[in-house]
C-alpha atoms as a PDB file:
ATOM      1  CA  MET A   1     107.686 120.232 128.493  1.00  0.00           C
ATOM      2  CA  MET A   2     104.429 118.134 128.629  1.00  0.00           C
ATOM      3  CA  ALA A   3     104.342 114.813 126.712  1.00  0.00           C
ATOM      4  CA  ILE A   4     101.253 114.328 124.546  1.00  0.00           C
ATOM      5  CA  ASP A   5      99.581 110.946 124.052  1.00  0.00           C
ATOM      6  CA  LYS A   6      99.350 109.759 120.507  1.00  0.00           C
ATOM      7  CA  ASN A   7      95.554 109.351 120.686  1.00  0.00           C
ATOM      8  CA  GLU A   8      95.113 112.728 122.224  1.00  0.00           C
ATOM      9  CA  TYR A   9      97.261 114.316 119.477  1.00  0.00           C
ATOM     10  CA  GLN A  10      95.076 112.646 116.787  1.00  0.00           C
ATOM     11  CA  LYS A  11      91.849 113.971 118.440  1.00  0.00           C
ATOM     12  CA  THR A  12      93.322 117.490 118.543  1.00  0.00           C
ATOM     13  CA  ILE A  13      94.265 117.265 114.812  1.00  0.00           C
ATOM     14  CA  GLU A  14      90.782 116.023 113.864  1.00  0.00           C
ATOM     15  CA  LYS A  15      89.130 119.014 115.708  1.00  0.00           C
ATOM     16  CA  ILE A  16      91.464 121.511 113.864  1.00  0.00           C
ATOM     17  CA  LYS A  17      91.539 119.913 110.422  1.00  0.00           C
ATOM     18  CA  PRO A  18      89.100 121.596 108.035  1.00  0.00           C
ATOM     19  CA  LYS A  19      86.261 119.460 106.742  1.00  0.00           C
ATOM     20  CA  PRO A  20      85.992 119.127 102.985  1.00  0.00           C
ATOM     21  CA  PRO A  21      82.918 120.453 101.362  1.00  0.00           C
ATOM     22  CA  ALA A  22      81.407 117.025 100.532  1.00  0.00           C
ATOM     23  CA  LEU A  23      78.263 118.432  98.791  1.00  0.00           C
ATOM     24  CA  LYS A  24      80.251 120.716  96.553  1.00  0.00           C
ATOM     25  CA  ASN A  25      82.910 118.094  95.720  1.00  0.00           C
ATOM     26  CA  SER A  26      80.124 115.574  94.899  1.00  0.00           C
ATOM     27  CA  PHE A  27      78.343 118.081  92.715  1.00  0.00           C
ATOM     28  CA  LEU A  28      81.525 118.985  90.707  1.00  0.00           C
ATOM     29  CA  ALA A  29      82.452 115.338  90.343  1.00  0.00           C
ATOM     30  CA  PHE A  30      78.977 114.527  89.042  1.00  0.00           C
ATOM     31  CA  VAL A  31      79.031 117.438  86.568  1.00  0.00           C
ATOM     32  CA  MET A  32      82.455 116.601  85.183  1.00  0.00           C
ATOM     33  CA  GLY A  33      81.630 112.784  84.898  1.00  0.00           C
ATOM     34  CA  GLY A  34      78.398 113.792  83.108  1.00  0.00           C
ATOM     35  CA  PHE A  35      80.268 116.169  80.809  1.00  0.00           C
ATOM     36  CA  ILE A  36      82.737 113.399  79.888  1.00  0.00           C
ATOM     37  CA  CYS A  37      79.807 111.088  79.141  1.00  0.00           C
ATOM     38  CA  LEU A  38      78.226 113.762  77.062  1.00  0.00           C
ATOM     39  CA  LEU A  39      81.334 114.347  75.084  1.00  0.00           C
ATOM     40  CA  GLY A  40      81.692 110.645  74.545  1.00  0.00           C
ATOM     41  CA  GLU A  41      78.197 110.307  73.260  1.00  0.00           C
ATOM     42  CA  ILE A  42      78.539 113.294  70.918  1.00  0.00           C
ATOM     43  CA  LEU A  43      81.637 111.776  69.505  1.00  0.00           C
ATOM     44  CA  PHE A  44      80.209 108.377  69.197  1.00  0.00           C
ATOM     45  CA  GLN A  45      77.094 109.737  67.269  1.00  0.00           C
ATOM     46  CA  LEU A  46      79.398 111.780  64.973  1.00  0.00           C
ATOM     47  CA  LEU A  47      81.445 108.682  64.177  1.00  0.00           C
ATOM     48  CA  VAL A  48      78.301 106.476  63.586  1.00  0.00           C
ATOM     49  CA  ASN A  49      76.807 109.171  61.370  1.00  0.00           C
ATOM     50  CA  GLN A  50      80.046 109.141  59.291  1.00  0.00           C
ATOM     51  CA  GLY A  51      79.389 105.481  58.575  1.00  0.00           C
ATOM     52  CA  ILE A  52      81.811 103.932  61.119  1.00  0.00           C
ATOM     53  CA  SER A  53      80.408 100.812  62.902  1.00  0.00           C
ATOM     54  CA  GLU A  54      79.215 101.170  66.476  1.00  0.00           C
ATOM     55  CA  LYS A  55      81.936  98.658  67.653  1.00  0.00           C
ATOM     56  CA  ASP A  56      84.658 100.782  66.006  1.00  0.00           C
ATOM     57  CA  SER A  57      83.122 103.986  67.284  1.00  0.00           C
ATOM     58  CA  TYR A  58      83.355 102.809  70.879  1.00  0.00           C
ATOM     59  CA  THR A  59      87.003 102.122  70.299  1.00  0.00           C
ATOM     60  CA  TYR A  60      87.739 105.420  68.790  1.00  0.00           C
ATOM     61  CA  VAL A  61      85.947 107.249  71.675  1.00  0.00           C
ATOM     62  CA  SER A  62      87.985 105.445  74.172  1.00  0.00           C
ATOM     63  CA  ILE A  63      91.234 106.114  72.370  1.00  0.00           C
ATOM     64  CA  THR A  64      90.361 109.799  71.930  1.00  0.00           C
ATOM     65  CA  PHE A  65      89.672 110.072  75.755  1.00  0.00           C
ATOM     66  CA  ILE A  66      92.980 108.213  76.629  1.00  0.00           C
ATOM     67  CA  PHE A  67      94.901 110.565  74.264  1.00  0.00           C
ATOM     68  CA  ILE A  68      93.256 113.759  75.644  1.00  0.00           C
ATOM     69  CA  SER A  69      93.838 112.659  79.199  1.00  0.00           C
ATOM     70  CA  ALA A  70      97.470 111.749  78.470  1.00  0.00           C
ATOM     71  CA  LEU A  71      98.079 115.025  76.696  1.00  0.00           C
ATOM     72  CA  LEU A  72      96.590 117.068  79.533  1.00  0.00           C
ATOM     73  CA  THR A  73      98.735 115.162  81.920  1.00  0.00           C
ATOM     74  CA  GLY A  74     101.782 115.799  79.961  1.00  0.00           C
ATOM     75  CA  VAL A  75     101.279 119.566  79.787  1.00  0.00           C
ATOM     76  CA  GLY A  76     100.411 119.743  83.522  1.00  0.00           C
ATOM     77  CA  ILE A  77      96.634 120.595  83.227  1.00  0.00           C
ATOM     78  CA  TYR A  78      95.057 117.237  84.285  1.00  0.00           C
ATOM     79  CA  ASP A  79      96.228 117.391  88.000  1.00  0.00           C
ATOM     80  CA  ASP A  80      94.816 120.968  88.279  1.00  0.00           C
ATOM     81  CA  LEU A  81      91.499 119.759  86.876  1.00  0.00           C
ATOM     82  CA  VAL A  82      91.473 116.810  89.286  1.00  0.00           C
ATOM     83  CA  ARG A  83      91.895 119.206  92.220  1.00  0.00           C
ATOM     84  CA  ILE A  84      88.678 120.923  91.175  1.00  0.00           C
ATOM     85  CA  PHE A  85      86.549 117.984  89.830  1.00  0.00           C
ATOM     86  CA  GLY A  86      87.935 115.036  91.856  1.00  0.00           C
ATOM     87  CA  ALA A  87      86.351 111.636  91.151  1.00  0.00           C
ATOM     88  CA  GLY A  88      84.603 113.064  88.005  1.00  0.00           C
ATOM     89  CA  LEU A  89      88.031 112.777  86.253  1.00  0.00           C
ATOM     90  CA  ILE A  90      89.723 110.013  88.268  1.00  0.00           C
ATOM     91  CA  VAL A  91      87.108 107.323  87.880  1.00  0.00           C
ATOM     92  CA  PRO A  92      86.500 107.226  84.107  1.00  0.00           C
ATOM     93  CA  ILE A  93      89.070 105.935  81.535  1.00  0.00           C
ATOM     94  CA  THR A  94      90.747 109.253  81.737  1.00  0.00           C
ATOM     95  CA  GLY A  95      92.045 108.492  85.199  1.00  0.00           C
ATOM     96  CA  PHE A  96      93.703 105.278  84.022  1.00  0.00           C
ATOM     97  CA  ALA A  97      95.473 107.157  81.287  1.00  0.00           C
ATOM     98  CA  ASN A  98      96.610 109.745  83.786  1.00  0.00           C
ATOM     99  CA  SER A  99      97.922 107.059  86.186  1.00  0.00           C
ATOM    100  CA  MET A 100     100.044 105.665  83.342  1.00  0.00           C
ATOM    101  CA  VAL A 101     101.478 108.949  82.178  1.00  0.00           C
ATOM    102  CA  SER A 102     102.234 110.524  85.634  1.00  0.00           C
ATOM    103  CA  PRO A 103     104.927 107.977  86.845  1.00  0.00           C
ATOM    104  CA  ALA A 104     106.672 108.254  83.396  1.00  0.00           C
ATOM    105  CA  LEU A 105     106.749 112.052  83.641  1.00  0.00           C
ATOM    106  CA  GLU A 106     108.182 111.877  87.201  1.00  0.00           C
ATOM    107  CA  HIS A 107     111.157 109.907  85.933  1.00  0.00           C
ATOM    108  CA  LYS A 108     111.866 111.639  82.665  1.00  0.00           C
ATOM    109  CA  GLN A 109     115.179 112.904  83.888  1.00  0.00           C
ATOM    110  CA  GLU A 110     116.432 109.311  84.052  1.00  0.00           C
ATOM    111  CA  GLY A 111     116.136 109.093  80.280  1.00  0.00           C
ATOM    112  CA  LEU A 112     113.633 107.710  77.699  1.00  0.00           C
ATOM    113  CA  VAL A 113     114.297 104.014  78.281  1.00  0.00           C
ATOM    114  CA  LEU A 114     115.117 103.654  81.885  1.00  0.00           C
ATOM    115  CA  GLY A 115     112.904 106.522  83.100  1.00  0.00           C
ATOM    116  CA  VAL A 116     109.851 107.047  80.950  1.00  0.00           C
ATOM    117  CA  GLY A 117     109.923 103.657  79.262  1.00  0.00           C
ATOM    118  CA  ALA A 118     110.257 101.672  82.485  1.00  0.00           C
ATOM    119  CA  LYS A 119     108.032 103.789  84.727  1.00  0.00           C
ATOM    120  CA  VAL A 120     105.079 103.917  82.328  1.00  0.00           C
ATOM    121  CA  PHE A 121     104.233 100.427  83.321  1.00  0.00           C
ATOM    122  CA  THR A 122     104.430 100.973  87.126  1.00  0.00           C
ATOM    123  CA  VAL A 123     100.607 101.105  87.235  1.00  0.00           C
ATOM    124  CA  ALA A 124      99.774  99.671  83.810  1.00  0.00           C
ATOM    125  CA  GLY A 125     101.843  96.596  84.168  1.00  0.00           C
ATOM    126  CA  PRO A 126      99.782  94.842  86.824  1.00  0.00           C
ATOM    127  CA  VAL A 127      96.564  95.998  85.111  1.00  0.00           C
ATOM    128  CA  ILE A 128      97.691  94.600  81.746  1.00  0.00           C
ATOM    129  CA  ILE A 129      98.804  91.296  83.267  1.00  0.00           C
ATOM    130  CA  TYR A 130      95.607  90.887  85.232  1.00  0.00           C
ATOM    131  CA  GLY A 131      93.605  91.633  82.022  1.00  0.00           C
ATOM    132  CA  ILE A 132      95.540  89.087  79.986  1.00  0.00           C
ATOM    133  CA  ILE A 133      95.354  86.355  82.655  1.00  0.00           C
ATOM    134  CA  SER A 134      91.692  86.832  83.383  1.00  0.00           C
ATOM    135  CA  SER A 135      90.784  86.923  79.609  1.00  0.00           C
ATOM    136  CA  VAL A 136      92.697  83.687  79.133  1.00  0.00           C
ATOM    137  CA  LEU A 137      90.856  82.024  82.053  1.00  0.00           C
ATOM    138  CA  VAL A 138      87.529  83.215  80.851  1.00  0.00           C
ATOM    139  CA  ALA A 139      88.328  81.905  77.261  1.00  0.00           C
ATOM    140  CA  ILE A 140      89.256  78.588  78.644  1.00  0.00           C
ATOM    141  CA  LEU A 141      86.107  78.470  80.783  1.00  0.00           C
ATOM    142  CA  LEU A 142      83.856  79.490  77.878  1.00  0.00           C
ATOM    143  CA  ARG A 143      85.557  76.972  75.611  1.00  0.00           C
ATOM    144  CA  GLY A 144      85.052  74.211  78.158  1.00  0.00           C
ATOM    145  CA  ILE A 145      81.327  75.164  78.576  1.00  0.00           C
ATOM    146  CA  GLY A 146      80.856  75.294  74.816  1.00  0.00           C
ATOM    147  CA  ARG A 147      81.949  71.600  74.605  1.00  0.00           C
ATOM    148  CA  LEU A 148      79.306  70.468  77.015  1.00  0.00           C
END
């Protein structure tokens, strides 16, 4: 049997591997990202027209998208949509909600506390800690600048 060099093997694989349809994928991601923005703007306008302040409306829109994303992840639909629309769903706030719920669902057989409860912070934990630390540092910096 003939031995194959690792580099030669990689070159052969690259020739055989199908190329992703970049233009189609970009178009679908653009359409889905735009659709999410459109839904967000519609929801925002509905809330403002109901007399809710703009600041609170932004919060409600974010919470709504997080909830919908977590729900779709929980029922197994979100991953199917990501396979179709790619970055159009992964990049916005919906992708963060999905990345929080997915590890928890993978470990649900370990129980609610040690499985779901512990694994929900696998991705979210570092993000939350970074957010807290950076906000404290910015507050200290701004307070110091304010005293000048």
